[in-house]
Amino acid sequence: MTGGTVVVLGRIGRNFAAGMSGGIAYLLDPDLGRVNTQMVDLEPLDASDGALLQRLVERHRAETGSAVAGELLADWDQALARFVKVMPKDYKRVLAAASRAELEGRDVNEAVMAAAHG
């Protein structure tokens, strides 16, 4: 995965996130022993993650009729506590550099390029 957002409501295979260099994944009740943590960090959700997840799960239910999504939405606060965020380490560094550059009035593209090269 090099970009975008994915929400996994089922089981993950072994070595999940191997090669993940960008984007964000959200896992429901993950088997953390199956996550390759060499390139990613596992993080708690923040408020914006919760809002995004709810919209995505609602859309999934609306478009597919998913019973799993319906059960999650029926008690969303409880369900939200079951998710973990998978964030690629390099992607996190680049996002932080872009945010700092924007706050400091520096060129965001230059900051991103510098962060991307390490």
N, C-alpha and C. Protein backbone atom coordinates (compact mmCIF):
# COMPACT_ATOMS: atom_id res chain seq x y z
N MET A 1 0.86 -1.18 0.00
CA MET A 1 0.00 0.00 0.00
C MET A 1 0.89 1.23 0.00
N THR A 2 0.64 2.12 -0.94
CA THR A 2 1.45 3.34 -1.01
C THR A 2 0.63 4.61 -0.83
N GLY A 3 -0.66 4.47 -0.66
CA GLY A 3 -1.50 5.65 -0.45
C GLY A 3 -2.92 5.23 -0.17
N GLY A 4 -3.74 6.19 0.21
CA GLY A 4 -5.14 5.93 0.45
C GLY A 4 -5.44 5.49 1.87
N THR A 5 -6.65 5.01 2.05
CA THR A 5 -7.13 4.58 3.36
C THR A 5 -7.83 3.25 3.19
N VAL A 6 -7.56 2.33 4.11
CA VAL A 6 -8.24 1.04 4.08
C VAL A 6 -8.76 0.73 5.47
N VAL A 7 -9.94 0.15 5.52
CA VAL A 7 -10.54 -0.30 6.78
C VAL A 7 -10.76 -1.79 6.64
N VAL A 8 -10.16 -2.56 7.55
CA VAL A 8 -10.29 -4.01 7.52
C VAL A 8 -11.20 -4.43 8.67
N LEU A 9 -12.36 -5.02 8.31
CA LEU A 9 -13.33 -5.46 9.31
C LEU A 9 -13.23 -6.95 9.59
N GLY A 10 -12.34 -7.62 8.89
CA GLY A 10 -12.16 -9.06 9.07
C GLY A 10 -10.74 -9.38 9.47
N ARG A 11 -10.39 -10.64 9.35
CA ARG A 11 -9.05 -11.10 9.72
C ARG A 11 -8.01 -10.61 8.72
N ILE A 12 -6.81 -10.41 9.21
CA ILE A 12 -5.70 -10.06 8.34
C ILE A 12 -4.80 -11.28 8.18
N GLY A 13 -4.09 -11.31 7.07
CA GLY A 13 -3.13 -12.37 6.84
C GLY A 13 -1.83 -12.08 7.57
N ARG A 14 -0.94 -13.06 7.55
CA ARG A 14 0.33 -12.85 8.22
C ARG A 14 1.15 -11.84 7.44
N ASN A 15 1.96 -11.11 8.14
CA ASN A 15 2.86 -10.11 7.57
C ASN A 15 2.11 -8.89 7.03
N PHE A 16 0.97 -8.57 7.63
CA PHE A 16 0.19 -7.40 7.21
C PHE A 16 1.07 -6.16 7.32
N ALA A 17 1.03 -5.32 6.34
CA ALA A 17 1.74 -4.03 6.26
C ALA A 17 3.18 -4.17 5.79
N ALA A 18 3.63 -5.36 5.45
CA ALA A 18 4.97 -5.50 4.88
C ALA A 18 5.01 -4.70 3.58
N GLY A 19 5.92 -3.79 3.47
CA GLY A 19 6.02 -2.96 2.28
C GLY A 19 5.09 -1.76 2.26
N MET A 20 4.34 -1.54 3.32
CA MET A 20 3.41 -0.39 3.38
C MET A 20 4.23 0.88 3.56
N SER A 21 4.20 1.75 2.56
CA SER A 21 5.01 2.96 2.61
C SER A 21 4.19 4.24 2.71
N GLY A 22 2.90 4.14 2.53
CA GLY A 22 2.05 5.32 2.60
C GLY A 22 0.62 4.91 2.89
N GLY A 23 -0.22 5.90 3.07
CA GLY A 23 -1.60 5.63 3.39
C GLY A 23 -1.78 5.22 4.84
N ILE A 24 -3.01 4.96 5.21
CA ILE A 24 -3.34 4.58 6.58
C ILE A 24 -4.30 3.41 6.54
N ALA A 25 -4.08 2.45 7.42
CA ALA A 25 -4.99 1.32 7.55
C ALA A 25 -5.59 1.34 8.94
N TYR A 26 -6.84 0.93 9.03
CA TYR A 26 -7.53 0.78 10.31
C TYR A 26 -7.96 -0.68 10.41
N LEU A 27 -7.60 -1.32 11.50
CA LEU A 27 -7.91 -2.73 11.69
C LEU A 27 -8.87 -2.91 12.86
N LEU A 28 -9.88 -3.73 12.67
CA LEU A 28 -10.82 -4.08 13.73
C LEU A 28 -10.33 -5.35 14.40
N ASP A 29 -10.18 -5.32 15.71
CA ASP A 29 -9.75 -6.49 16.49
C ASP A 29 -8.56 -7.21 15.86
N PRO A 30 -7.47 -6.48 15.63
CA PRO A 30 -6.36 -7.11 14.91
C PRO A 30 -5.60 -8.14 15.74
N ASP A 31 -5.10 -9.14 15.04
CA ASP A 31 -4.13 -10.07 15.62
C ASP A 31 -2.79 -9.39 15.41
N LEU A 32 -2.31 -8.70 16.43
CA LEU A 32 -1.12 -7.86 16.28
C LEU A 32 0.13 -8.67 15.96
N GLY A 33 0.10 -9.95 16.24
CA GLY A 33 1.22 -10.81 15.88
C GLY A 33 1.34 -11.03 14.38
N ARG A 34 0.31 -10.66 13.62
CA ARG A 34 0.32 -10.80 12.17
C ARG A 34 0.72 -9.51 11.46
N VAL A 35 0.97 -8.44 12.23
CA VAL A 35 1.33 -7.15 11.64
C VAL A 35 2.85 -7.03 11.60
N ASN A 36 3.38 -6.69 10.43
CA ASN A 36 4.81 -6.47 10.27
C ASN A 36 5.11 -5.04 10.74
N THR A 37 5.71 -4.91 11.89
CA THR A 37 5.92 -3.58 12.48
C THR A 37 7.28 -2.98 12.13
N GLN A 38 7.98 -3.55 11.17
CA GLN A 38 9.25 -2.96 10.76
C GLN A 38 9.05 -1.61 10.08
N MET A 39 7.98 -1.47 9.32
CA MET A 39 7.75 -0.23 8.57
C MET A 39 6.59 0.60 9.09
N VAL A 40 5.83 0.07 10.05
CA VAL A 40 4.64 0.77 10.53
C VAL A 40 4.62 0.83 12.05
N ASP A 41 3.89 1.81 12.54
CA ASP A 41 3.57 1.90 13.96
C ASP A 41 2.09 1.62 14.13
N LEU A 42 1.74 1.05 15.26
CA LEU A 42 0.35 0.84 15.63
C LEU A 42 -0.01 1.95 16.61
N GLU A 43 -1.06 2.69 16.29
CA GLU A 43 -1.40 3.87 17.07
C GLU A 43 -2.85 3.85 17.51
N PRO A 44 -3.13 4.53 18.62
CA PRO A 44 -4.54 4.71 19.00
C PRO A 44 -5.18 5.71 18.04
N LEU A 45 -6.48 5.71 18.02
CA LEU A 45 -7.22 6.63 17.15
C LEU A 45 -7.34 7.99 17.81
N ASP A 46 -7.40 9.03 16.99
CA ASP A 46 -7.74 10.35 17.49
C ASP A 46 -9.16 10.69 17.01
N ALA A 47 -9.65 11.86 17.37
CA ALA A 47 -11.04 12.22 17.05
C ALA A 47 -11.31 12.22 15.55
N SER A 48 -10.35 12.71 14.76
CA SER A 48 -10.58 12.74 13.32
C SER A 48 -10.60 11.33 12.73
N ASP A 49 -9.80 10.41 13.30
CA ASP A 49 -9.85 9.02 12.86
C ASP A 49 -11.24 8.44 13.11
N GLY A 50 -11.78 8.70 14.28
CA GLY A 50 -13.10 8.16 14.63
C GLY A 50 -14.18 8.63 13.69
N ALA A 51 -14.16 9.92 13.35
CA ALA A 51 -15.16 10.47 12.44
C ALA A 51 -15.02 9.87 11.05
N LEU A 52 -13.79 9.75 10.57
CA LEU A 52 -13.55 9.16 9.26
C LEU A 52 -14.00 7.70 9.23
N LEU A 53 -13.62 6.95 10.24
CA LEU A 53 -14.02 5.54 10.30
C LEU A 53 -15.53 5.37 10.29
N GLN A 54 -16.22 6.20 11.06
CA GLN A 54 -17.68 6.09 11.11
C GLN A 54 -18.27 6.34 9.72
N ARG A 55 -17.78 7.37 9.03
CA ARG A 55 -18.29 7.66 7.68
C ARG A 55 -18.01 6.48 6.73
N LEU A 56 -16.81 5.91 6.82
CA LEU A 56 -16.46 4.81 5.93
C LEU A 56 -17.27 3.55 6.22
N VAL A 57 -17.48 3.25 7.49
CA VAL A 57 -18.26 2.06 7.85
C VAL A 57 -19.73 2.28 7.46
N GLU A 58 -20.24 3.49 7.66
CA GLU A 58 -21.62 3.79 7.23
C GLU A 58 -21.77 3.62 5.72
N ARG A 59 -20.79 4.11 4.98
CA ARG A 59 -20.84 3.98 3.52
C ARG A 59 -20.78 2.51 3.11
N HIS A 60 -19.91 1.77 3.77
CA HIS A 60 -19.80 0.33 3.48
C HIS A 60 -21.13 -0.39 3.71
N ARG A 61 -21.77 -0.07 4.83
CA ARG A 61 -23.08 -0.69 5.11
C ARG A 61 -24.11 -0.29 4.06
N ALA A 62 -24.14 0.99 3.71
CA ALA A 62 -25.12 1.47 2.74
C ALA A 62 -24.92 0.82 1.36
N GLU A 63 -23.67 0.62 0.97
CA GLU A 63 -23.39 0.11 -0.37
C GLU A 63 -23.41 -1.41 -0.46
N THR A 64 -23.22 -2.10 0.69
CA THR A 64 -23.11 -3.56 0.63
C THR A 64 -24.13 -4.29 1.49
N GLY A 65 -24.78 -3.57 2.41
CA GLY A 65 -25.68 -4.23 3.35
C GLY A 65 -24.95 -5.06 4.38
N SER A 66 -23.69 -4.77 4.62
CA SER A 66 -22.87 -5.56 5.54
C SER A 66 -23.48 -5.66 6.93
N ALA A 67 -23.67 -6.89 7.38
CA ALA A 67 -24.18 -7.13 8.74
C ALA A 67 -23.13 -6.73 9.77
N VAL A 68 -21.86 -6.96 9.47
CA VAL A 68 -20.78 -6.58 10.40
C VAL A 68 -20.78 -5.07 10.60
N ALA A 69 -20.87 -4.33 9.52
CA ALA A 69 -20.91 -2.87 9.63
C ALA A 69 -22.13 -2.42 10.42
N GLY A 70 -23.26 -3.05 10.19
CA GLY A 70 -24.48 -2.70 10.93
C GLY A 70 -24.32 -2.93 12.42
N GLU A 71 -23.71 -4.05 12.81
CA GLU A 71 -23.48 -4.34 14.23
C GLU A 71 -22.54 -3.33 14.85
N LEU A 72 -21.50 -2.95 14.12
CA LEU A 72 -20.56 -1.95 14.63
C LEU A 72 -21.24 -0.61 14.84
N LEU A 73 -22.03 -0.20 13.87
CA LEU A 73 -22.69 1.10 13.95
C LEU A 73 -23.77 1.14 15.03
N ALA A 74 -24.33 0.00 15.37
CA ALA A 74 -25.38 -0.05 16.41
C ALA A 74 -24.84 0.36 17.77
N ASP A 75 -23.55 0.16 18.00
CA ASP A 75 -22.91 0.59 19.25
C ASP A 75 -21.54 1.15 18.89
N TRP A 76 -21.56 2.28 18.19
CA TRP A 76 -20.35 2.83 17.60
C TRP A 76 -19.26 3.14 18.63
N ASP A 77 -19.60 3.70 19.77
CA ASP A 77 -18.58 4.03 20.77
C ASP A 77 -17.83 2.78 21.21
N GLN A 78 -18.54 1.70 21.41
CA GLN A 78 -17.92 0.43 21.79
C GLN A 78 -17.06 -0.10 20.64
N ALA A 79 -17.58 -0.01 19.43
CA ALA A 79 -16.86 -0.52 18.27
C ALA A 79 -15.57 0.25 18.03
N LEU A 80 -15.63 1.55 18.20
CA LEU A 80 -14.47 2.40 17.94
C LEU A 80 -13.26 1.99 18.79
N ALA A 81 -13.51 1.56 19.99
CA ALA A 81 -12.44 1.14 20.89
C ALA A 81 -11.75 -0.15 20.41
N ARG A 82 -12.33 -0.83 19.46
CA ARG A 82 -11.78 -2.09 18.95
C ARG A 82 -10.83 -1.90 17.77
N PHE A 83 -10.73 -0.68 17.26
CA PHE A 83 -9.89 -0.39 16.10
C PHE A 83 -8.50 0.06 16.51
N VAL A 84 -7.53 -0.22 15.65
CA VAL A 84 -6.18 0.29 15.80
C VAL A 84 -5.78 0.91 14.45
N LYS A 85 -4.97 1.92 14.52
CA LYS A 85 -4.50 2.63 13.33
C LYS A 85 -3.11 2.11 12.97
N VAL A 86 -2.91 1.80 11.69
CA VAL A 86 -1.62 1.36 11.19
C VAL A 86 -1.04 2.49 10.35
N MET A 87 0.07 3.05 10.83
CA MET A 87 0.67 4.23 10.20
C MET A 87 2.11 3.92 9.78
N PRO A 88 2.41 4.02 8.49
CA PRO A 88 3.80 3.83 8.05
C PRO A 88 4.72 4.88 8.68
N LYS A 89 5.85 4.44 9.15
CA LYS A 89 6.78 5.34 9.85
C LYS A 89 7.26 6.46 8.94
N ASP A 90 7.64 6.14 7.71
CA ASP A 90 8.13 7.17 6.79
C ASP A 90 7.03 8.16 6.42
N TYR A 91 5.83 7.66 6.20
CA TYR A 91 4.70 8.51 5.84
C TYR A 91 4.38 9.47 6.99
N LYS A 92 4.45 8.97 8.21
CA LYS A 92 4.21 9.81 9.38
C LYS A 92 5.24 10.93 9.46
N ARG A 93 6.50 10.59 9.19
CA ARG A 93 7.56 11.60 9.22
C ARG A 93 7.32 12.68 8.15
N VAL A 94 6.90 12.27 6.96
CA VAL A 94 6.65 13.22 5.88
C VAL A 94 5.45 14.12 6.21
N LEU A 95 4.38 13.53 6.75
CA LEU A 95 3.21 14.33 7.13
C LEU A 95 3.57 15.35 8.20
N ALA A 96 4.38 14.94 9.18
CA ALA A 96 4.79 15.85 10.25
C ALA A 96 5.64 16.99 9.69
N ALA A 97 6.54 16.68 8.78
CA ALA A 97 7.38 17.71 8.17
C ALA A 97 6.54 18.71 7.38
N ALA A 98 5.55 18.22 6.66
CA ALA A 98 4.66 19.11 5.90
C ALA A 98 3.87 20.01 6.83
N SER A 99 3.38 19.46 7.90
CA SER A 99 2.61 20.24 8.86
C SER A 99 3.47 21.33 9.51
N ARG A 100 4.69 20.96 9.92
CA ARG A 100 5.61 21.94 10.52
C ARG A 100 5.94 23.06 9.53
N ALA A 101 6.22 22.69 8.30
CA ALA A 101 6.57 23.68 7.28
C ALA A 101 5.41 24.65 7.05
N GLU A 102 4.22 24.12 7.01
CA GLU A 102 3.04 24.97 6.81
C GLU A 102 2.87 25.95 7.96
N LEU A 103 3.03 25.45 9.19
CA LEU A 103 2.90 26.31 10.37
C LEU A 103 3.98 27.38 10.42
N GLU A 104 5.17 27.04 9.94
CA GLU A 104 6.30 27.97 9.98
C GLU A 104 6.41 28.83 8.73
N GLY A 105 5.51 28.64 7.78
CA GLY A 105 5.52 29.45 6.56
C GLY A 105 6.63 29.07 5.59
N ARG A 106 7.15 27.86 5.72
CA ARG A 106 8.19 27.40 4.81
C ARG A 106 7.56 26.65 3.65
N ASP A 107 8.37 26.40 2.61
CA ASP A 107 7.90 25.67 1.44
C ASP A 107 7.60 24.22 1.84
N VAL A 108 6.35 23.83 1.69
CA VAL A 108 5.92 22.49 2.10
C VAL A 108 6.58 21.42 1.22
N ASN A 109 6.68 21.67 -0.07
CA ASN A 109 7.28 20.68 -0.97
C ASN A 109 8.73 20.41 -0.62
N GLU A 110 9.48 21.45 -0.29
CA GLU A 110 10.88 21.26 0.09
C GLU A 110 10.97 20.46 1.40
N ALA A 111 10.11 20.77 2.34
CA ALA A 111 10.11 20.05 3.62
C ALA A 111 9.77 18.58 3.41
N VAL A 112 8.82 18.30 2.56
CA VAL A 112 8.42 16.92 2.27
C VAL A 112 9.56 16.17 1.59
N MET A 113 10.21 16.79 0.64
CA MET A 113 11.33 16.14 -0.06
C MET A 113 12.46 15.85 0.91
N ALA A 114 12.77 16.79 1.80
CA ALA A 114 13.84 16.58 2.77
C ALA A 114 13.47 15.43 3.72
N ALA A 115 12.24 15.40 4.17
CA ALA A 115 11.80 14.34 5.09
C ALA A 115 11.77 12.99 4.41
N ALA A 116 11.41 12.98 3.14
CA ALA A 116 11.31 11.71 2.41
C ALA A 116 12.66 11.06 2.19
N HIS A 117 13.70 11.86 2.22
CA HIS A 117 15.04 11.33 1.99
C HIS A 117 15.79 11.06 3.28
N GLY A 118 15.05 11.16 4.37
CA GLY A 118 15.58 10.70 5.59
C GLY A 118 16.13 11.43 6.65
